[in-house]
């Protein structure tokens, strides 16, 4: 049985430096994710949506071993 867990991260950045602040956060948390055995999967920046009004700036998955 696989115990892997995936977490969906959908982000909406504030206009005044939100993306830059998130990149700082990402750099700070990276060692913690590595220690936990987590793996960040590909980032997606959607250009358009087919269903609904999902308008995130970026979304990605983080895979945890359990």
PDB file of N, CA and C in Angstrom:
ATOM      1  N   UNK A   1       0.840  -1.187   0.000  1.00  0.00           N
ATOM      2  CA  UNK A   1       0.000   0.000   0.000  1.00  0.00           C
ATOM      3  C   UNK A   1       0.884   1.249   0.000  1.00  0.00           C
ATOM      4  N   UNK A   2       0.545   2.187  -0.870  1.00  0.00           N
ATOM      5  CA  UNK A   2       1.284   3.444  -0.957  1.00  0.00           C
ATOM      6  C   UNK A   2       0.779   4.417   0.096  1.00  0.00           C
ATOM      7  N   UNK A   3       1.688   5.011   0.849  1.00  0.00           N
ATOM      8  CA  UNK A   3       1.306   5.983   1.861  1.00  0.00           C
ATOM      9  C   UNK A   3       1.553   7.413   1.404  1.00  0.00           C
ATOM     10  N   UNK A   4       1.918   7.593   0.137  1.00  0.00           N
ATOM     11  CA  UNK A   4       2.213   8.939  -0.353  1.00  0.00           C
ATOM     12  C   UNK A   4       0.979   9.841  -0.243  1.00  0.00           C
ATOM     13  N   UNK A   5       1.242  11.091   0.048  1.00  0.00           N
ATOM     14  CA  UNK A   5       0.188  12.097   0.142  1.00  0.00           C
ATOM     15  C   UNK A   5       0.561  13.263  -0.759  1.00  0.00           C
ATOM     16  N   UNK A   6      -0.416  13.776  -1.465  1.00  0.00           N
ATOM     17  CA  UNK A   6      -0.195  14.926  -2.340  1.00  0.00           C
ATOM     18  C   UNK A   6      -1.007  16.108  -1.832  1.00  0.00           C
ATOM     19  N   UNK A   7      -0.390  17.284  -1.846  1.00  0.00           N
ATOM     20  CA  UNK A   7      -1.070  18.500  -1.435  1.00  0.00           C
ATOM     21  C   UNK A   7      -1.103  19.467  -2.628  1.00  0.00           C
ATOM     22  N   UNK A   8      -2.301  19.908  -2.973  1.00  0.00           N
ATOM     23  CA  UNK A   8      -2.460  20.887  -4.040  1.00  0.00           C
ATOM     24  C   UNK A   8      -2.251  22.281  -3.460  1.00  0.00           C
ATOM     25  N   UNK A   9      -1.398  23.055  -4.096  1.00  0.00           N
ATOM     26  CA  UNK A   9      -1.147  24.442  -3.703  1.00  0.00           C
ATOM     27  C   UNK A   9      -1.608  25.335  -4.847  1.00  0.00           C
ATOM     28  N   UNK A  10      -2.595  26.171  -4.591  1.00  0.00           N
ATOM     29  CA  UNK A  10      -3.067  27.152  -5.566  1.00  0.00           C
ATOM     30  C   UNK A  10      -2.792  28.525  -4.977  1.00  0.00           C
ATOM     31  N   UNK A  11      -2.118  29.365  -5.743  1.00  0.00           N
ATOM     32  CA  UNK A  11      -1.671  30.652  -5.220  1.00  0.00           C
ATOM     33  C   UNK A  11      -2.208  31.817  -6.042  1.00  0.00           C
ATOM     34  N   UNK A  12      -2.623  32.843  -5.318  1.00  0.00           N
ATOM     35  CA  UNK A  12      -3.047  34.113  -5.894  1.00  0.00           C
ATOM     36  C   UNK A  12      -2.144  35.173  -5.269  1.00  0.00           C
ATOM     37  N   UNK A  13      -1.294  35.784  -6.061  1.00  0.00           N
ATOM     38  CA  UNK A  13      -0.326  36.743  -5.536  1.00  0.00           C
ATOM     39  C   UNK A  13      -0.917  38.149  -5.444  1.00  0.00           C
ATOM     40  N   UNK A  14      -0.585  38.847  -4.370  1.00  0.00           N
ATOM     41  CA  UNK A  14      -0.932  40.263  -4.269  1.00  0.00           C
ATOM     42  C   UNK A  14      -0.064  41.034  -5.252  1.00  0.00           C
ATOM     43  N   UNK A  15      -0.585  42.134  -5.747  1.00  0.00           N
ATOM     44  CA  UNK A  15       0.121  42.897  -6.773  1.00  0.00           C
ATOM     45  C   UNK A  15       1.418  43.516  -6.285  1.00  0.00           C
ATOM     46  N   UNK A  16       1.480  43.950  -5.055  1.00  0.00           N
ATOM     47  CA  UNK A  16       2.652  44.657  -4.542  1.00  0.00           C
ATOM     48  C   UNK A  16       3.693  43.702  -3.965  1.00  0.00           C
ATOM     49  N   UNK A  17       4.328  42.916  -4.838  1.00  0.00           N
ATOM     50  CA  UNK A  17       5.421  42.057  -4.402  1.00  0.00           C
ATOM     51  C   UNK A  17       5.032  40.696  -3.858  1.00  0.00           C
ATOM     52  N   UNK A  18       3.803  40.281  -4.063  1.00  0.00           N
ATOM     53  CA  UNK A  18       3.362  38.992  -3.531  1.00  0.00           C
ATOM     54  C   UNK A  18       4.158  37.810  -4.059  1.00  0.00           C
ATOM     55  N   UNK A  19       4.424  37.796  -5.354  1.00  0.00           N
ATOM     56  CA  UNK A  19       5.180  36.691  -5.928  1.00  0.00           C
ATOM     57  C   UNK A  19       6.609  36.667  -5.380  1.00  0.00           C
ATOM     58  N   UNK A  20       7.238  37.814  -5.253  1.00  0.00           N
ATOM     59  CA  UNK A  20       8.600  37.883  -4.732  1.00  0.00           C
ATOM     60  C   UNK A  20       8.650  37.396  -3.277  1.00  0.00           C
ATOM     61  N   UNK A  21       7.663  37.783  -2.484  1.00  0.00           N
ATOM     62  CA  UNK A  21       7.601  37.329  -1.086  1.00  0.00           C
ATOM     63  C   UNK A  21       7.409  35.824  -1.017  1.00  0.00           C
ATOM     64  N   UNK A  22       6.588  35.274  -1.911  1.00  0.00           N
ATOM     65  CA  UNK A  22       6.386  33.828  -1.907  1.00  0.00           C
ATOM     66  C   UNK A  22       7.670  33.099  -2.304  1.00  0.00           C
ATOM     67  N   UNK A  23       8.425  33.653  -3.228  1.00  0.00           N
ATOM     68  CA  UNK A  23       9.698  33.038  -3.607  1.00  0.00           C
ATOM     69  C   UNK A  23      10.672  33.031  -2.426  1.00  0.00           C
ATOM     70  N   UNK A  24      10.664  34.098  -1.627  1.00  0.00           N
ATOM     71  CA  UNK A  24      11.486  34.128  -0.413  1.00  0.00           C
ATOM     72  C   UNK A  24      11.043  33.026   0.555  1.00  0.00           C
ATOM     73  N   UNK A  25       9.743  32.911   0.740  1.00  0.00           N
ATOM     74  CA  UNK A  25       9.188  31.857   1.605  1.00  0.00           C
ATOM     75  C   UNK A  25       9.605  30.478   1.089  1.00  0.00           C
ATOM     76  N   UNK A  26       9.485  30.272  -0.222  1.00  0.00           N
ATOM     77  CA  UNK A  26       9.844  28.989  -0.813  1.00  0.00           C
ATOM     78  C   UNK A  26      11.292  28.615  -0.557  1.00  0.00           C
ATOM     79  N   UNK A  27      12.178  29.586  -0.674  1.00  0.00           N
ATOM     80  CA  UNK A  27      13.600  29.329  -0.412  1.00  0.00           C
ATOM     81  C   UNK A  27      13.830  28.977   1.056  1.00  0.00           C
ATOM     82  N   UNK A  28      13.093  29.628   1.950  1.00  0.00           N
ATOM     83  CA  UNK A  28      13.254  29.370   3.386  1.00  0.00           C
ATOM     84  C   UNK A  28      12.699  28.003   3.781  1.00  0.00           C
ATOM     85  N   UNK A  29      11.612  27.573   3.148  1.00  0.00           N
ATOM     86  CA  UNK A  29      10.966  26.318   3.536  1.00  0.00           C
ATOM     87  C   UNK A  29      11.567  25.103   2.816  1.00  0.00           C
ATOM     88  N   UNK A  30      12.325  25.317   1.757  1.00  0.00           N
ATOM     89  CA  UNK A  30      12.888  24.204   0.977  1.00  0.00           C
ATOM     90  C   UNK A  30      13.663  23.198   1.830  1.00  0.00           C
ATOM     91  N   UNK A  31      14.539  23.635   2.753  1.00  0.00           N
ATOM     92  CA  UNK A  31      15.248  22.652   3.577  1.00  0.00           C
ATOM     93  C   UNK A  31      14.307  21.814   4.458  1.00  0.00           C
ATOM     94  N   UNK A  32      13.213  22.415   4.904  1.00  0.00           N
ATOM     95  CA  UNK A  32      12.246  21.678   5.720  1.00  0.00           C
ATOM     96  C   UNK A  32      11.522  20.621   4.896  1.00  0.00           C
ATOM     97  N   UNK A  33      11.166  20.972   3.668  1.00  0.00           N
ATOM     98  CA  UNK A  33      10.530  20.000   2.790  1.00  0.00           C
ATOM     99  C   UNK A  33      11.471  18.840   2.493  1.00  0.00           C
ATOM    100  N   UNK A  34      12.723  19.168   2.227  1.00  0.00           N
ATOM    101  CA  UNK A  34      13.709  18.126   1.947  1.00  0.00           C
ATOM    102  C   UNK A  34      13.867  17.199   3.149  1.00  0.00           C
ATOM    103  N   UNK A  35      13.935  17.761   4.334  1.00  0.00           N
ATOM    104  CA  UNK A  35      14.074  16.968   5.559  1.00  0.00           C
ATOM    105  C   UNK A  35      12.875  16.033   5.749  1.00  0.00           C
ATOM    106  N   UNK A  36      11.695  16.490   5.353  1.00  0.00           N
ATOM    107  CA  UNK A  36      10.478  15.681   5.486  1.00  0.00           C
ATOM    108  C   UNK A  36      10.332  14.678   4.347  1.00  0.00           C
ATOM    109  N   UNK A  37      11.234  14.724   3.366  1.00  0.00           N
ATOM    110  CA  UNK A  37      11.146  13.813   2.224  1.00  0.00           C
ATOM    111  C   UNK A  37      10.124  14.255   1.193  1.00  0.00           C
ATOM    112  N   UNK A  38       9.713  15.518   1.251  1.00  0.00           N
ATOM    113  CA  UNK A  38       8.718  16.046   0.317  1.00  0.00           C
ATOM    114  C   UNK A  38       9.383  16.421  -1.003  1.00  0.00           C
ATOM    115  N   UNK A  39       8.569  16.428  -2.038  1.00  0.00           N
ATOM    116  CA  UNK A  39       9.056  16.747  -3.378  1.00  0.00           C
ATOM    117  C   UNK A  39       8.042  17.658  -4.059  1.00  0.00           C
ATOM    118  N   UNK A  40       8.484  18.833  -4.488  1.00  0.00           N
ATOM    119  CA  UNK A  40       7.613  19.761  -5.202  1.00  0.00           C
ATOM    120  C   UNK A  40       7.550  19.317  -6.656  1.00  0.00           C
ATOM    121  N   UNK A  41       6.338  19.116  -7.137  1.00  0.00           N
ATOM    122  CA  UNK A  41       6.142  18.725  -8.530  1.00  0.00           C
ATOM    123  C   UNK A  41       6.090  19.970  -9.400  1.00  0.00           C
ATOM    124  N   UNK A  42       5.891  19.798 -10.693  1.00  0.00           N
ATOM    125  CA  UNK A  42       5.889  20.907 -11.644  1.00  0.00           C
ATOM    126  C   UNK A  42       4.923  22.017 -11.269  1.00  0.00           C
ATOM    127  N   UNK A  43       5.330  23.254 -11.560  1.00  0.00           N
ATOM    128  CA  UNK A  43       4.456  24.422 -11.423  1.00  0.00           C
ATOM    129  C   UNK A  43       3.673  24.600 -12.716  1.00  0.00           C
ATOM    130  N   UNK A  44       2.450  25.058 -12.584  1.00  0.00           N
ATOM    131  CA  UNK A  44       1.618  25.315 -13.755  1.00  0.00           C
ATOM    132  C   UNK A  44       1.099  26.738 -13.679  1.00  0.00           C
ATOM    133  N   UNK A  45       1.217  27.448 -14.782  1.00  0.00           N
ATOM    134  CA  UNK A  45       0.675  28.807 -14.885  1.00  0.00           C
ATOM    135  C   UNK A  45      -0.360  28.783 -16.004  1.00  0.00           C
ATOM    136  N   UNK A  46      -1.604  28.570 -15.639  1.00  0.00           N
ATOM    137  CA  UNK A  46      -2.649  28.443 -16.662  1.00  0.00           C
ATOM    138  C   UNK A  46      -2.892  29.739 -17.419  1.00  0.00           C
ATOM    139  N   UNK A  47      -3.100  29.604 -18.715  1.00  0.00           N
ATOM    140  CA  UNK A  47      -3.430  30.748 -19.563  1.00  0.00           C
ATOM    141  C   UNK A  47      -4.934  30.953 -19.660  1.00  0.00           C
ATOM    142  N   UNK A  48      -5.678  29.838 -19.606  1.00  0.00           N
ATOM    143  CA  UNK A  48      -7.127  29.927 -19.690  1.00  0.00           C
ATOM    144  C   UNK A  48      -7.740  28.738 -18.967  1.00  0.00           C
ATOM    145  N   UNK A  49      -9.020  28.851 -18.673  1.00  0.00           N
ATOM    146  CA  UNK A  49      -9.735  27.819 -17.942  1.00  0.00           C
ATOM    147  C   UNK A  49     -10.947  27.390 -18.743  1.00  0.00           C
ATOM    148  N   UNK A  50     -11.256  26.116 -18.690  1.00  0.00           N
ATOM    149  CA  UNK A  50     -12.371  25.582 -19.453  1.00  0.00           C
ATOM    150  C   UNK A  50     -13.664  25.516 -18.641  1.00  0.00           C
ATOM    151  N   UNK A  51     -13.527  25.307 -17.350  1.00  0.00           N
ATOM    152  CA  UNK A  51     -14.698  25.157 -16.487  1.00  0.00           C
ATOM    153  C   UNK A  51     -14.532  26.062 -15.273  1.00  0.00           C
ATOM    154  N   UNK A  52     -15.555  26.787 -14.929  1.00  0.00           N
ATOM    155  CA  UNK A  52     -15.520  27.605 -13.724  1.00  0.00           C
ATOM    156  C   UNK A  52     -14.699  28.869 -13.872  1.00  0.00           C
ATOM    157  N   UNK A  53     -14.417  29.460 -12.721  1.00  0.00           N
ATOM    158  CA  UNK A  53     -13.679  30.717 -12.707  1.00  0.00           C
ATOM    159  C   UNK A  53     -12.406  30.597 -11.886  1.00  0.00           C
ATOM    160  N   UNK A  54     -11.740  29.502 -11.984  1.00  0.00           N
ATOM    161  CA  UNK A  54     -10.478  29.259 -11.303  1.00  0.00           C
ATOM    162  C   UNK A  54      -9.444  30.176 -11.933  1.00  0.00           C
ATOM    163  N   UNK A  55      -8.894  31.104 -11.176  1.00  0.00           N
ATOM    164  CA  UNK A  55      -7.981  32.080 -11.772  1.00  0.00           C
ATOM    165  C   UNK A  55      -6.683  32.222 -10.985  1.00  0.00           C
ATOM    166  N   UNK A  56      -6.173  31.116 -10.467  1.00  0.00           N
ATOM    167  CA  UNK A  56      -4.935  31.190  -9.684  1.00  0.00           C
ATOM    168  C   UNK A  56      -3.777  31.657 -10.557  1.00  0.00           C
ATOM    169  N   UNK A  57      -2.792  32.281  -9.920  1.00  0.00           N
ATOM    170  CA  UNK A  57      -1.599  32.712 -10.641  1.00  0.00           C
ATOM    171  C   UNK A  57      -0.695  31.522 -10.956  1.00  0.00           C
ATOM    172  N   UNK A  58      -0.655  30.587 -10.050  1.00  0.00           N
ATOM    173  CA  UNK A  58       0.154  29.382 -10.232  1.00  0.00           C
ATOM    174  C   UNK A  58      -0.421  28.294  -9.330  1.00  0.00           C
ATOM    175  N   UNK A  59      -0.257  27.036  -9.744  1.00  0.00           N
ATOM    176  CA  UNK A  59      -0.599  25.944  -8.847  1.00  0.00           C
ATOM    177  C   UNK A  59       0.390  24.809  -9.059  1.00  0.00           C
ATOM    178  N   UNK A  60       0.556  24.014  -8.007  1.00  0.00           N
ATOM    179  CA  UNK A  60       1.502  22.901  -8.059  1.00  0.00           C
ATOM    180  C   UNK A  60       1.153  21.895  -6.982  1.00  0.00           C
ATOM    181  N   UNK A  61       1.751  20.730  -7.089  1.00  0.00           N
ATOM    182  CA  UNK A  61       1.551  19.658  -6.126  1.00  0.00           C
ATOM    183  C   UNK A  61       2.845  19.463  -5.316  1.00  0.00           C
ATOM    184  N   UNK A  62       2.680  19.122  -4.055  1.00  0.00           N
ATOM    185  CA  UNK A  62       3.803  18.717  -3.217  1.00  0.00           C
ATOM    186  C   UNK A  62       3.520  17.284  -2.795  1.00  0.00           C
ATOM    187  N   UNK A  63       4.470  16.408  -3.055  1.00  0.00           N
ATOM    188  CA  UNK A  63       4.327  14.983  -2.717  1.00  0.00           C
ATOM    189  C   UNK A  63       5.075  14.715  -1.405  1.00  0.00           C
ATOM    190  N   UNK A  64       4.362  14.157  -0.449  1.00  0.00           N
ATOM    191  CA  UNK A  64       4.952  13.766   0.835  1.00  0.00           C
ATOM    192  C   UNK A  64       5.000  12.249   0.905  1.00  0.00           C
ATOM    193  N   UNK A  65       5.999  11.678   1.545  1.00  0.00           N
ATOM    194  CA  UNK A  65       6.115  10.225   1.587  1.00  0.00           C
ATOM    195  C   UNK A  65       5.012   9.551   2.423  1.00  0.00           C
ATOM    196  N   UNK A  66       4.415  10.264   3.343  1.00  0.00           N
ATOM    197  CA  UNK A  66       3.317   9.691   4.138  1.00  0.00           C
ATOM    198  C   UNK A  66       2.508  10.812   4.775  1.00  0.00           C
TER     199      UNK A  66
END
